[in-house]
């Protein structure tokens, strides 16, 4: 969860709500000097930015405070088909996904 969230976090709700990293409010991190710090955009904007996708080596993240999205229903899962059905499945997927609302997220493995 931490690497997903701090690495950007492109998930099922991204088209409507943006990346998971955009909703991080605070981060608990142990920095290289051994200090446990609670970092926010106000308390330490540079470190906060760096921890939310600026890459590694800024410390060990031990906790994240994140804003939640108002989602009442979420459907997810995987569908698997035999290779012999590939053309039909791809054609159906292409037609189906073209008509979906902009906020709908769909992916092909």
PDB file of N, CA and C in Angstrom:
ATOM      1  N   UNK A   1       0.816  -1.193   0.000  1.00  0.00           N
ATOM      2  CA  UNK A   1       0.000   0.000   0.000  1.00  0.00           C
ATOM      3  C   UNK A   1       0.861   1.259   0.000  1.00  0.00           C
ATOM      4  N   UNK A   2       1.935   1.265   0.760  1.00  0.00           N
ATOM      5  CA  UNK A   2       2.764   2.463   0.829  1.00  0.00           C
ATOM      6  C   UNK A   2       3.430   2.740  -0.515  1.00  0.00           C
ATOM      7  N   UNK A   3       4.023   1.720  -1.147  1.00  0.00           N
ATOM      8  CA  UNK A   3       4.693   1.966  -2.427  1.00  0.00           C
ATOM      9  C   UNK A   3       3.692   2.353  -3.502  1.00  0.00           C
ATOM     10  N   UNK A   4       2.494   1.774  -3.479  1.00  0.00           N
ATOM     11  CA  UNK A   4       1.445   2.150  -4.420  1.00  0.00           C
ATOM     12  C   UNK A   4       1.066   3.620  -4.244  1.00  0.00           C
ATOM     13  N   UNK A   5       0.821   4.019  -3.013  1.00  0.00           N
ATOM     14  CA  UNK A   5       0.362   5.382  -2.737  1.00  0.00           C
ATOM     15  C   UNK A   5       1.449   6.415  -2.999  1.00  0.00           C
ATOM     16  N   UNK A   6       2.647   6.183  -2.512  1.00  0.00           N
ATOM     17  CA  UNK A   6       3.718   7.171  -2.678  1.00  0.00           C
ATOM     18  C   UNK A   6       4.341   7.131  -4.063  1.00  0.00           C
ATOM     19  N   UNK A   7       4.179   6.039  -4.773  1.00  0.00           N
ATOM     20  CA  UNK A   7       4.712   5.933  -6.127  1.00  0.00           C
ATOM     21  C   UNK A   7       3.781   6.513  -7.170  1.00  0.00           C
ATOM     22  N   UNK A   8       2.701   7.101  -6.768  1.00  0.00           N
ATOM     23  CA  UNK A   8       1.732   7.684  -7.690  1.00  0.00           C
ATOM     24  C   UNK A   8       0.363   7.136  -7.404  1.00  0.00           C
ATOM     25  N   UNK A   9       0.192   5.840  -7.647  1.00  0.00           N
ATOM     26  CA  UNK A   9      -1.067   5.185  -7.338  1.00  0.00           C
ATOM     27  C   UNK A   9      -2.129   5.373  -8.394  1.00  0.00           C
ATOM     28  N   UNK A  10      -1.937   4.771  -9.535  1.00  0.00           N
ATOM     29  CA  UNK A  10      -2.937   4.807 -10.601  1.00  0.00           C
ATOM     30  C   UNK A  10      -3.839   3.602 -10.417  1.00  0.00           C
ATOM     31  N   UNK A  11      -5.027   3.837  -9.889  1.00  0.00           N
ATOM     32  CA  UNK A  11      -5.919   2.737  -9.556  1.00  0.00           C
ATOM     33  C   UNK A  11      -7.286   2.864 -10.200  1.00  0.00           C
ATOM     34  N   UNK A  12      -8.229   2.103  -9.682  1.00  0.00           N
ATOM     35  CA  UNK A  12      -9.570   2.052 -10.253  1.00  0.00           C
ATOM     36  C   UNK A  12     -10.305   3.385 -10.226  1.00  0.00           C
ATOM     37  N   UNK A  13      -9.983   4.259  -9.293  1.00  0.00           N
ATOM     38  CA  UNK A  13     -10.690   5.528  -9.162  1.00  0.00           C
ATOM     39  C   UNK A  13      -9.913   6.714  -9.743  1.00  0.00           C
ATOM     40  N   UNK A  14      -8.801   6.456 -10.386  1.00  0.00           N
ATOM     41  CA  UNK A  14      -7.906   7.522 -10.849  1.00  0.00           C
ATOM     42  C   UNK A  14      -8.531   8.463 -11.863  1.00  0.00           C
ATOM     43  N   UNK A  15      -9.335   7.949 -12.747  1.00  0.00           N
ATOM     44  CA  UNK A  15      -9.906   8.824 -13.781  1.00  0.00           C
ATOM     45  C   UNK A  15     -10.870   9.846 -13.188  1.00  0.00           C
ATOM     46  N   UNK A  16     -11.476   9.513 -12.081  1.00  0.00           N
ATOM     47  CA  UNK A  16     -12.393  10.460 -11.446  1.00  0.00           C
ATOM     48  C   UNK A  16     -11.700  11.293 -10.369  1.00  0.00           C
ATOM     49  N   UNK A  17     -10.816  10.682  -9.566  1.00  0.00           N
ATOM     50  CA  UNK A  17     -10.258  11.354  -8.391  1.00  0.00           C
ATOM     51  C   UNK A  17      -8.759  11.632  -8.473  1.00  0.00           C
ATOM     52  N   UNK A  18      -8.088  11.203  -9.515  1.00  0.00           N
ATOM     53  CA  UNK A  18      -6.649  11.447  -9.634  1.00  0.00           C
ATOM     54  C   UNK A  18      -5.831  10.343  -8.977  1.00  0.00           C
ATOM     55  N   UNK A  19      -4.548  10.571  -8.922  1.00  0.00           N
ATOM     56  CA  UNK A  19      -3.615   9.600  -8.352  1.00  0.00           C
ATOM     57  C   UNK A  19      -3.761   9.518  -6.831  1.00  0.00           C
ATOM     58  N   UNK A  20      -3.433   8.380  -6.270  1.00  0.00           N
ATOM     59  CA  UNK A  20      -3.490   8.199  -4.819  1.00  0.00           C
ATOM     60  C   UNK A  20      -2.555   9.187  -4.111  1.00  0.00           C
ATOM     61  N   UNK A  21      -1.391   9.446  -4.687  1.00  0.00           N
ATOM     62  CA  UNK A  21      -0.427  10.365  -4.072  1.00  0.00           C
ATOM     63  C   UNK A  21      -1.001  11.775  -3.910  1.00  0.00           C
ATOM     64  N   UNK A  22      -1.959  12.145  -4.761  1.00  0.00           N
ATOM     65  CA  UNK A  22      -2.580  13.466  -4.669  1.00  0.00           C
ATOM     66  C   UNK A  22      -3.432  13.637  -3.420  1.00  0.00           C
ATOM     67  N   UNK A  23      -3.778  12.540  -2.762  1.00  0.00           N
ATOM     68  CA  UNK A  23      -4.673  12.586  -1.607  1.00  0.00           C
ATOM     69  C   UNK A  23      -3.960  12.326  -0.283  1.00  0.00           C
ATOM     70  N   UNK A  24      -2.637  12.243  -0.329  1.00  0.00           N
ATOM     71  CA  UNK A  24      -1.864  12.051   0.905  1.00  0.00           C
ATOM     72  C   UNK A  24      -1.874  13.366   1.688  1.00  0.00           C
ATOM     73  N   UNK A  25      -2.229  13.280   2.969  1.00  0.00           N
ATOM     74  CA  UNK A  25      -2.275  14.462   3.836  1.00  0.00           C
ATOM     75  C   UNK A  25      -1.068  14.558   4.761  1.00  0.00           C
ATOM     76  N   UNK A  26      -0.547  13.412   5.163  1.00  0.00           N
ATOM     77  CA  UNK A  26       0.588  13.396   6.083  1.00  0.00           C
ATOM     78  C   UNK A  26       1.323  12.078   5.977  1.00  0.00           C
ATOM     79  N   UNK A  27       2.620  12.110   6.292  1.00  0.00           N
ATOM     80  CA  UNK A  27       3.452  10.918   6.200  1.00  0.00           C
ATOM     81  C   UNK A  27       4.307  10.829   7.456  1.00  0.00           C
ATOM     82  N   UNK A  28       4.303   9.652   8.084  1.00  0.00           N
ATOM     83  CA  UNK A  28       5.223   9.376   9.186  1.00  0.00           C
ATOM     84  C   UNK A  28       6.434   8.691   8.586  1.00  0.00           C
ATOM     85  N   UNK A  29       7.606   9.237   8.852  1.00  0.00           N
ATOM     86  CA  UNK A  29       8.827   8.720   8.233  1.00  0.00           C
ATOM     87  C   UNK A  29       9.970   8.760   9.236  1.00  0.00           C
ATOM     88  N   UNK A  30      10.814   7.744   9.185  1.00  0.00           N
ATOM     89  CA  UNK A  30      12.065   7.750   9.938  1.00  0.00           C
ATOM     90  C   UNK A  30      13.139   8.183   8.946  1.00  0.00           C
ATOM     91  N   UNK A  31      13.733   9.332   9.203  1.00  0.00           N
ATOM     92  CA  UNK A  31      14.742   9.872   8.287  1.00  0.00           C
ATOM     93  C   UNK A  31      16.110   9.239   8.561  1.00  0.00           C
ATOM     94  N   UNK A  32      17.059   9.517   7.694  1.00  0.00           N
ATOM     95  CA  UNK A  32      18.390   8.904   7.776  1.00  0.00           C
ATOM     96  C   UNK A  32      19.087   9.191   9.108  1.00  0.00           C
ATOM     97  N   UNK A  33      18.731  10.296   9.764  1.00  0.00           N
ATOM     98  CA  UNK A  33      19.347  10.620  11.054  1.00  0.00           C
ATOM     99  C   UNK A  33      18.660   9.908  12.225  1.00  0.00           C
ATOM    100  N   UNK A  34      17.693   9.014  11.915  1.00  0.00           N
ATOM    101  CA  UNK A  34      17.032   8.224  12.947  1.00  0.00           C
ATOM    102  C   UNK A  34      15.845   8.904  13.605  1.00  0.00           C
ATOM    103  N   UNK A  35      15.464  10.073  13.114  1.00  0.00           N
ATOM    104  CA  UNK A  35      14.337  10.807  13.704  1.00  0.00           C
ATOM    105  C   UNK A  35      13.011  10.358  13.098  1.00  0.00           C
ATOM    106  N   UNK A  36      12.012  10.158  13.937  1.00  0.00           N
ATOM    107  CA  UNK A  36      10.657   9.908  13.467  1.00  0.00           C
ATOM    108  C   UNK A  36       9.986  11.262  13.270  1.00  0.00           C
ATOM    109  N   UNK A  37       9.504  11.495  12.076  1.00  0.00           N
ATOM    110  CA  UNK A  37       8.898  12.789  11.754  1.00  0.00           C
ATOM    111  C   UNK A  37       7.525  12.587  11.143  1.00  0.00           C
ATOM    112  N   UNK A  38       6.629  13.513  11.422  1.00  0.00           N
ATOM    113  CA  UNK A  38       5.329  13.569  10.752  1.00  0.00           C
ATOM    114  C   UNK A  38       5.423  14.727   9.758  1.00  0.00           C
ATOM    115  N   UNK A  39       5.400  14.406   8.477  1.00  0.00           N
ATOM    116  CA  UNK A  39       5.642  15.382   7.413  1.00  0.00           C
ATOM    117  C   UNK A  39       4.333  15.703   6.698  1.00  0.00           C
ATOM    118  N   UNK A  40       4.078  16.999   6.510  1.00  0.00           N
ATOM    119  CA  UNK A  40       2.916  17.449   5.739  1.00  0.00           C
ATOM    120  C   UNK A  40       3.384  18.493   4.734  1.00  0.00           C
ATOM    121  N   UNK A  41       2.476  18.920   3.880  1.00  0.00           N
ATOM    122  CA  UNK A  41       2.794  19.957   2.898  1.00  0.00           C
ATOM    123  C   UNK A  41       3.129  21.278   3.579  1.00  0.00           C
ATOM    124  N   UNK A  42       2.618  21.484   4.786  1.00  0.00           N
ATOM    125  CA  UNK A  42       2.873  22.722   5.522  1.00  0.00           C
ATOM    126  C   UNK A  42       4.149  22.617   6.354  1.00  0.00           C
ATOM    127  N   UNK A  43       4.335  21.501   7.038  1.00  0.00           N
ATOM    128  CA  UNK A  43       5.467  21.369   7.960  1.00  0.00           C
ATOM    129  C   UNK A  43       6.807  21.223   7.253  1.00  0.00           C
ATOM    130  N   UNK A  44       6.829  20.546   6.114  1.00  0.00           N
ATOM    131  CA  UNK A  44       8.080  20.306   5.385  1.00  0.00           C
ATOM    132  C   UNK A  44       7.759  20.026   3.915  1.00  0.00           C
ATOM    133  N   UNK A  45       7.443  21.085   3.151  1.00  0.00           N
ATOM    134  CA  UNK A  45       6.961  20.891   1.783  1.00  0.00           C
ATOM    135  C   UNK A  45       7.940  20.157   0.862  1.00  0.00           C
ATOM    136  N   UNK A  46       9.238  20.379   1.006  1.00  0.00           N
ATOM    137  CA  UNK A  46      10.203  19.709   0.127  1.00  0.00           C
ATOM    138  C   UNK A  46      10.256  18.202   0.386  1.00  0.00           C
ATOM    139  N   UNK A  47      10.327  17.810   1.650  1.00  0.00           N
ATOM    140  CA  UNK A  47      10.359  16.389   1.977  1.00  0.00           C
ATOM    141  C   UNK A  47       9.019  15.732   1.647  1.00  0.00           C
ATOM    142  N   UNK A  48       7.924  16.423   1.889  1.00  0.00           N
ATOM    143  CA  UNK A  48       6.596  15.912   1.549  1.00  0.00           C
ATOM    144  C   UNK A  48       6.514  15.628   0.050  1.00  0.00           C
ATOM    145  N   UNK A  49       6.970  16.559  -0.770  1.00  0.00           N
ATOM    146  CA  UNK A  49       6.987  16.365  -2.224  1.00  0.00           C
ATOM    147  C   UNK A  49       7.866  15.172  -2.593  1.00  0.00           C
ATOM    148  N   UNK A  50       9.048  15.104  -2.006  1.00  0.00           N
ATOM    149  CA  UNK A  50       9.995  14.034  -2.337  1.00  0.00           C
ATOM    150  C   UNK A  50       9.442  12.659  -1.980  1.00  0.00           C
ATOM    151  N   UNK A  51       8.768  12.562  -0.857  1.00  0.00           N
ATOM    152  CA  UNK A  51       8.207  11.275  -0.431  1.00  0.00           C
ATOM    153  C   UNK A  51       7.036  10.837  -1.299  1.00  0.00           C
ATOM    154  N   UNK A  52       6.352  11.796  -1.919  1.00  0.00           N
ATOM    155  CA  UNK A  52       5.203  11.469  -2.765  1.00  0.00           C
ATOM    156  C   UNK A  52       5.595  11.330  -4.233  1.00  0.00           C
ATOM    157  N   UNK A  53       6.624  10.582  -4.515  1.00  0.00           N
ATOM    158  CA  UNK A  53       6.965  10.275  -5.900  1.00  0.00           C
ATOM    159  C   UNK A  53       8.319  10.777  -6.338  1.00  0.00           C
ATOM    160  N   UNK A  54       9.042  11.446  -5.473  1.00  0.00           N
ATOM    161  CA  UNK A  54      10.354  11.957  -5.829  1.00  0.00           C
ATOM    162  C   UNK A  54      11.436  10.891  -5.842  1.00  0.00           C
ATOM    163  N   UNK A  55      11.072   9.671  -5.597  1.00  0.00           N
ATOM    164  CA  UNK A  55      11.918   8.471  -5.591  1.00  0.00           C
ATOM    165  C   UNK A  55      12.334   8.080  -4.192  1.00  0.00           C
ATOM    166  N   UNK A  56      13.440   7.329  -4.079  1.00  0.00           N
ATOM    167  CA  UNK A  56      13.803   6.648  -2.834  1.00  0.00           C
ATOM    168  C   UNK A  56      14.813   7.438  -1.991  1.00  0.00           C
ATOM    169  N   UNK A  57      15.184   6.788  -0.901  1.00  0.00           N
ATOM    170  CA  UNK A  57      16.291   7.219  -0.051  1.00  0.00           C
ATOM    171  C   UNK A  57      16.038   8.488   0.759  1.00  0.00           C
ATOM    172  N   UNK A  58      14.788   8.771   1.047  1.00  0.00           N
ATOM    173  CA  UNK A  58      14.489   9.916   1.902  1.00  0.00           C
ATOM    174  C   UNK A  58      14.145   9.481   3.311  1.00  0.00           C
ATOM    175  N   UNK A  59      14.004   8.177   3.518  1.00  0.00           N
ATOM    176  CA  UNK A  59      13.677   7.633   4.821  1.00  0.00           C
ATOM    177  C   UNK A  59      12.787   6.420   4.683  1.00  0.00           C
ATOM    178  N   UNK A  60      12.396   5.871   5.825  1.00  0.00           N
ATOM    179  CA  UNK A  60      11.514   4.707   5.852  1.00  0.00           C
ATOM    180  C   UNK A  60      10.135   5.184   6.293  1.00  0.00           C
ATOM    181  N   UNK A  61       9.165   5.035   5.416  1.00  0.00           N
ATOM    182  CA  UNK A  61       7.802   5.462   5.721  1.00  0.00           C
ATOM    183  C   UNK A  61       7.139   4.410   6.603  1.00  0.00           C
ATOM    184  N   UNK A  62       6.588   4.861   7.722  1.00  0.00           N
ATOM    185  CA  UNK A  62       5.937   3.952   8.658  1.00  0.00           C
ATOM    186  C   UNK A  62       4.426   4.161   8.728  1.00  0.00           C
ATOM    187  N   UNK A  63       3.929   5.232   8.144  1.00  0.00           N
ATOM    188  CA  UNK A  63       2.486   5.473   8.154  1.00  0.00           C
ATOM    189  C   UNK A  63       2.110   6.584   7.195  1.00  0.00           C
ATOM    190  N   UNK A  64       0.869   6.528   6.731  1.00  0.00           N
ATOM    191  CA  UNK A  64       0.362   7.534   5.803  1.00  0.00           C
ATOM    192  C   UNK A  64      -1.047   7.928   6.230  1.00  0.00           C
ATOM    193  N   UNK A  65      -1.316   9.219   6.211  1.00  0.00           N
ATOM    194  CA  UNK A  65      -2.675   9.738   6.384  1.00  0.00           C
ATOM    195  C   UNK A  65      -3.160  10.125   4.993  1.00  0.00           C
ATOM    196  N   UNK A  66      -4.301   9.563   4.576  1.00  0.00           N
ATOM    197  CA  UNK A  66      -4.777   9.784   3.220  1.00  0.00           C
ATOM    198  C   UNK A  66      -6.266  10.094   3.229  1.00  0.00           C
ATOM    199  N   UNK A  67      -6.670  11.018   2.353  1.00  0.00           N
ATOM    200  CA  UNK A  67      -8.087  11.345   2.208  1.00  0.00           C
ATOM    201  C   UNK A  67      -8.806  10.238   1.460  1.00  0.00           C
ATOM    202  N   UNK A  68      -9.995   9.904   1.905  1.00  0.00           N
ATOM    203  CA  UNK A  68     -10.777   8.839   1.284  1.00  0.00           C
ATOM    204  C   UNK A  68     -11.763   9.420   0.289  1.00  0.00           C
ATOM    205  N   UNK A  69     -12.222   8.596  -0.632  1.00  0.00           N
ATOM    206  CA  UNK A  69     -13.159   9.019  -1.660  1.00  0.00           C
ATOM    207  C   UNK A  69     -14.561   8.521  -1.309  1.00  0.00           C
ATOM    208  N   UNK A  70     -15.584   9.287  -1.655  1.00  0.00           N
ATOM    209  CA  UNK A  70     -16.971   8.902  -1.343  1.00  0.00           C
ATOM    210  C   UNK A  70     -17.512   7.891  -2.357  1.00  0.00           C
ATOM    211  N   UNK A  71     -17.147   6.645  -2.209  1.00  0.00           N
ATOM    212  CA  UNK A  71     -17.552   5.611  -3.154  1.00  0.00           C
ATOM    213  C   UNK A  71     -18.514   4.647  -2.460  1.00  0.00           C
ATOM    214  N   UNK A  72     -19.721   4.546  -3.003  1.00  0.00           N
ATOM    215  CA  UNK A  72     -20.718   3.657  -2.416  1.00  0.00           C
ATOM    216  C   UNK A  72     -20.586   2.233  -2.953  1.00  0.00           C
ATOM    217  N   UNK A  73     -20.251   2.098  -4.234  1.00  0.00           N
ATOM    218  CA  UNK A  73     -20.164   0.787  -4.868  1.00  0.00           C
ATOM    219  C   UNK A  73     -18.939   0.742  -5.764  1.00  0.00           C
ATOM    220  N   UNK A  74     -18.243  -0.373  -5.714  1.00  0.00           N
ATOM    221  CA  UNK A  74     -17.058  -0.556  -6.553  1.00  0.00           C
ATOM    222  C   UNK A  74     -17.063  -1.989  -7.057  1.00  0.00           C
ATOM    223  N   UNK A  75     -16.910  -2.139  -8.356  1.00  0.00           N
ATOM    224  CA  UNK A  75     -16.839  -3.466  -8.955  1.00  0.00           C
ATOM    225  C   UNK A  75     -15.422  -3.688  -9.442  1.00  0.00           C
ATOM    226  N   UNK A  76     -14.889  -4.860  -9.212  1.00  0.00           N
ATOM    227  CA  UNK A  76     -13.537  -5.158  -9.663  1.00  0.00           C
ATOM    228  C   UNK A  76     -13.346  -6.649  -9.804  1.00  0.00           C
ATOM    229  N   UNK A  77     -12.273  -7.005 -10.424  1.00  0.00           N
ATOM    230  CA  UNK A  77     -11.974  -8.414 -10.594  1.00  0.00           C
ATOM    231  C   UNK A  77     -11.333  -8.654 -11.942  1.00  0.00           C
ATOM    232  N   UNK A  78     -11.134  -9.888 -12.251  1.00  0.00           N
ATOM    233  CA  UNK A  78     -10.513 -10.248 -13.515  1.00  0.00           C
ATOM    234  C   UNK A  78     -11.383 -11.204 -14.305  1.00  0.00           C
ATOM    235  N   UNK A  79     -11.303 -11.086 -15.611  1.00  0.00           N
ATOM    236  CA  UNK A  79     -11.965 -12.012 -16.511  1.00  0.00           C
ATOM    237  C   UNK A  79     -10.885 -12.692 -17.332  1.00  0.00           C
ATOM    238  N   UNK A  80     -10.983 -13.986 -17.482  1.00  0.00           N
ATOM    239  CA  UNK A  80      -9.980 -14.753 -18.220  1.00  0.00           C
ATOM    240  C   UNK A  80     -10.670 -15.561 -19.297  1.00  0.00           C
ATOM    241  N   UNK A  81     -10.094 -15.543 -20.490  1.00  0.00           N
ATOM    242  CA  UNK A  81     -10.691 -16.214 -21.637  1.00  0.00           C
ATOM    243  C   UNK A  81      -9.660 -17.099 -22.310  1.00  0.00           C
ATOM    244  N   UNK A  82     -10.161 -18.097 -23.002  1.00  0.00           N
ATOM    245  CA  UNK A  82      -9.319 -18.980 -23.789  1.00  0.00           C
ATOM    246  C   UNK A  82      -8.744 -18.207 -24.978  1.00  0.00           C
ATOM    247  N   UNK A  83      -7.533 -18.521 -25.341  1.00  0.00           N
ATOM    248  CA  UNK A  83      -6.867 -17.843 -26.456  1.00  0.00           C
ATOM    249  C   UNK A  83      -7.685 -17.922 -27.741  1.00  0.00           C
ATOM    250  N   UNK A  84      -8.412 -18.998 -27.950  1.00  0.00           N
ATOM    251  CA  UNK A  84      -9.210 -19.161 -29.171  1.00  0.00           C
ATOM    252  C   UNK A  84     -10.287 -18.082 -29.288  1.00  0.00           C
ATOM    253  N   UNK A  85     -10.654 -17.450 -28.182  1.00  0.00           N
ATOM    254  CA  UNK A  85     -11.670 -16.398 -28.191  1.00  0.00           C
ATOM    255  C   UNK A  85     -11.067 -14.997 -28.266  1.00  0.00           C
ATOM    256  N   UNK A  86      -9.772 -14.891 -28.469  1.00  0.00           N
ATOM    257  CA  UNK A  86      -9.077 -13.601 -28.378  1.00  0.00           C
ATOM    258  C   UNK A  86      -9.683 -12.530 -29.282  1.00  0.00           C
ATOM    259  N   UNK A  87      -9.914 -12.821 -30.550  1.00  0.00           N
ATOM    260  CA  UNK A  87     -10.446 -11.804 -31.462  1.00  0.00           C
ATOM    261  C   UNK A  87     -11.805 -11.306 -30.997  1.00  0.00           C
ATOM    262  N   UNK A  88     -12.698 -12.214 -30.655  1.00  0.00           N
ATOM    263  CA  UNK A  88     -14.037 -11.833 -30.197  1.00  0.00           C
ATOM    264  C   UNK A  88     -13.966 -11.028 -28.897  1.00  0.00           C
ATOM    265  N   UNK A  89     -13.130 -11.458 -27.966  1.00  0.00           N
ATOM    266  CA  UNK A  89     -12.981 -10.763 -26.685  1.00  0.00           C
ATOM    267  C   UNK A  89     -12.433  -9.355 -26.898  1.00  0.00           C
ATOM    268  N   UNK A  90     -11.393  -9.213 -27.717  1.00  0.00           N
ATOM    269  CA  UNK A  90     -10.817  -7.889 -27.975  1.00  0.00           C
ATOM    270  C   UNK A  90     -11.804  -6.967 -28.681  1.00  0.00           C
ATOM    271  N   UNK A  91     -12.518  -7.476 -29.656  1.00  0.00           N
ATOM    272  CA  UNK A  91     -13.518  -6.661 -30.351  1.00  0.00           C
ATOM    273  C   UNK A  91     -14.618  -6.207 -29.398  1.00  0.00           C
ATOM    274  N   UNK A  92     -15.089  -7.125 -28.550  1.00  0.00           N
ATOM    275  CA  UNK A  92     -16.139  -6.790 -27.588  1.00  0.00           C
ATOM    276  C   UNK A  92     -15.633  -5.776 -26.567  1.00  0.00           C
ATOM    277  N   UNK A  93     -14.424  -5.974 -26.069  1.00  0.00           N
ATOM    278  CA  UNK A  93     -13.833  -5.040 -25.101  1.00  0.00           C
ATOM    279  C   UNK A  93     -13.687  -3.649 -25.701  1.00  0.00           C
ATOM    280  N   UNK A  94     -13.211  -3.574 -26.934  1.00  0.00           N
ATOM    281  CA  UNK A  94     -13.022  -2.286 -27.605  1.00  0.00           C
ATOM    282  C   UNK A  94     -14.351  -1.559 -27.755  1.00  0.00           C
ATOM    283  N   UNK A  95     -15.382  -2.251 -28.181  1.00  0.00           N
ATOM    284  CA  UNK A  95     -16.699  -1.636 -28.342  1.00  0.00           C
ATOM    285  C   UNK A  95     -17.282  -1.214 -27.001  1.00  0.00           C
ATOM    286  N   UNK A  96     -17.139  -2.075 -25.988  1.00  0.00           N
ATOM    287  CA  UNK A  96     -17.679  -1.774 -24.665  1.00  0.00           C
ATOM    288  C   UNK A  96     -16.984  -0.568 -24.037  1.00  0.00           C
ATOM    289  N   UNK A  97     -15.662  -0.536 -24.067  1.00  0.00           N
ATOM    290  CA  UNK A  97     -14.925   0.537 -23.399  1.00  0.00           C
ATOM    291  C   UNK A  97     -15.092   1.875 -24.109  1.00  0.00           C
ATOM    292  N   UNK A  98     -15.371   1.891 -25.396  1.00  0.00           N
ATOM    293  CA  UNK A  98     -15.565   3.146 -26.135  1.00  0.00           C
ATOM    294  C   UNK A  98     -16.807   3.900 -25.659  1.00  0.00           C
ATOM    295  N   UNK A  99     -17.807   3.187 -25.160  1.00  0.00           N
ATOM    296  CA  UNK A  99     -19.036   3.828 -24.738  1.00  0.00           C
ATOM    297  C   UNK A  99     -19.131   4.135 -23.259  1.00  0.00           C
ATOM    298  N   UNK A 100     -18.084   3.882 -22.506  1.00  0.00           N
ATOM    299  CA  UNK A 100     -18.116   4.097 -21.057  1.00  0.00           C
ATOM    300  C   UNK A 100     -17.938   5.577 -20.716  1.00  0.00           C
ATOM    301  N   UNK A 101     -18.470   6.014 -19.578  1.00  0.00           N
ATOM    302  CA  UNK A 101     -18.258   7.400 -19.136  1.00  0.00           C
ATOM    303  C   UNK A 101     -16.763   7.683 -18.909  1.00  0.00           C
ATOM    304  N   UNK A 102     -16.381   8.938 -19.000  1.00  0.00           N
ATOM    305  CA  UNK A 102     -14.977   9.349 -18.866  1.00  0.00           C
ATOM    306  C   UNK A 102     -14.350   8.888 -17.551  1.00  0.00           C
ATOM    307  N   UNK A 103     -15.116   8.847 -16.458  1.00  0.00           N
ATOM    308  CA  UNK A 103     -14.554   8.472 -15.162  1.00  0.00           C
ATOM    309  C   UNK A 103     -14.427   6.963 -14.970  1.00  0.00           C
ATOM    310  N   UNK A 104     -14.920   6.181 -15.894  1.00  0.00           N
ATOM    311  CA  UNK A 104     -14.824   4.716 -15.814  1.00  0.00           C
ATOM    312  C   UNK A 104     -13.401   4.281 -16.092  1.00  0.00           C
ATOM    313  N   UNK A 105     -12.872   3.405 -15.254  1.00  0.00           N
ATOM    314  CA  UNK A 105     -11.537   2.880 -15.455  1.00  0.00           C
ATOM    315  C   UNK A 105     -11.637   1.424 -15.881  1.00  0.00           C
ATOM    316  N   UNK A 106     -10.927   1.117 -16.918  1.00  0.00           N
ATOM    317  CA  UNK A 106     -10.894  -0.242 -17.434  1.00  0.00           C
ATOM    318  C   UNK A 106      -9.471  -0.504 -17.901  1.00  0.00           C
ATOM    319  N   UNK A 107      -9.008  -1.716 -17.759  1.00  0.00           N
ATOM    320  CA  UNK A 107      -7.644  -1.999 -18.195  1.00  0.00           C
ATOM    321  C   UNK A 107      -7.581  -3.359 -18.850  1.00  0.00           C
ATOM    322  N   UNK A 108      -6.654  -3.488 -19.730  1.00  0.00           N
ATOM    323  CA  UNK A 108      -6.387  -4.751 -20.408  1.00  0.00           C
ATOM    324  C   UNK A 108      -5.000  -5.173 -19.965  1.00  0.00           C
ATOM    325  N   UNK A 109      -4.856  -6.394 -19.481  1.00  0.00           N
ATOM    326  CA  UNK A 109      -3.558  -6.803 -18.922  1.00  0.00           C
ATOM    327  C   UNK A 109      -2.409  -6.720 -19.888  1.00  0.00           C
TER     328      UNK A 109
END
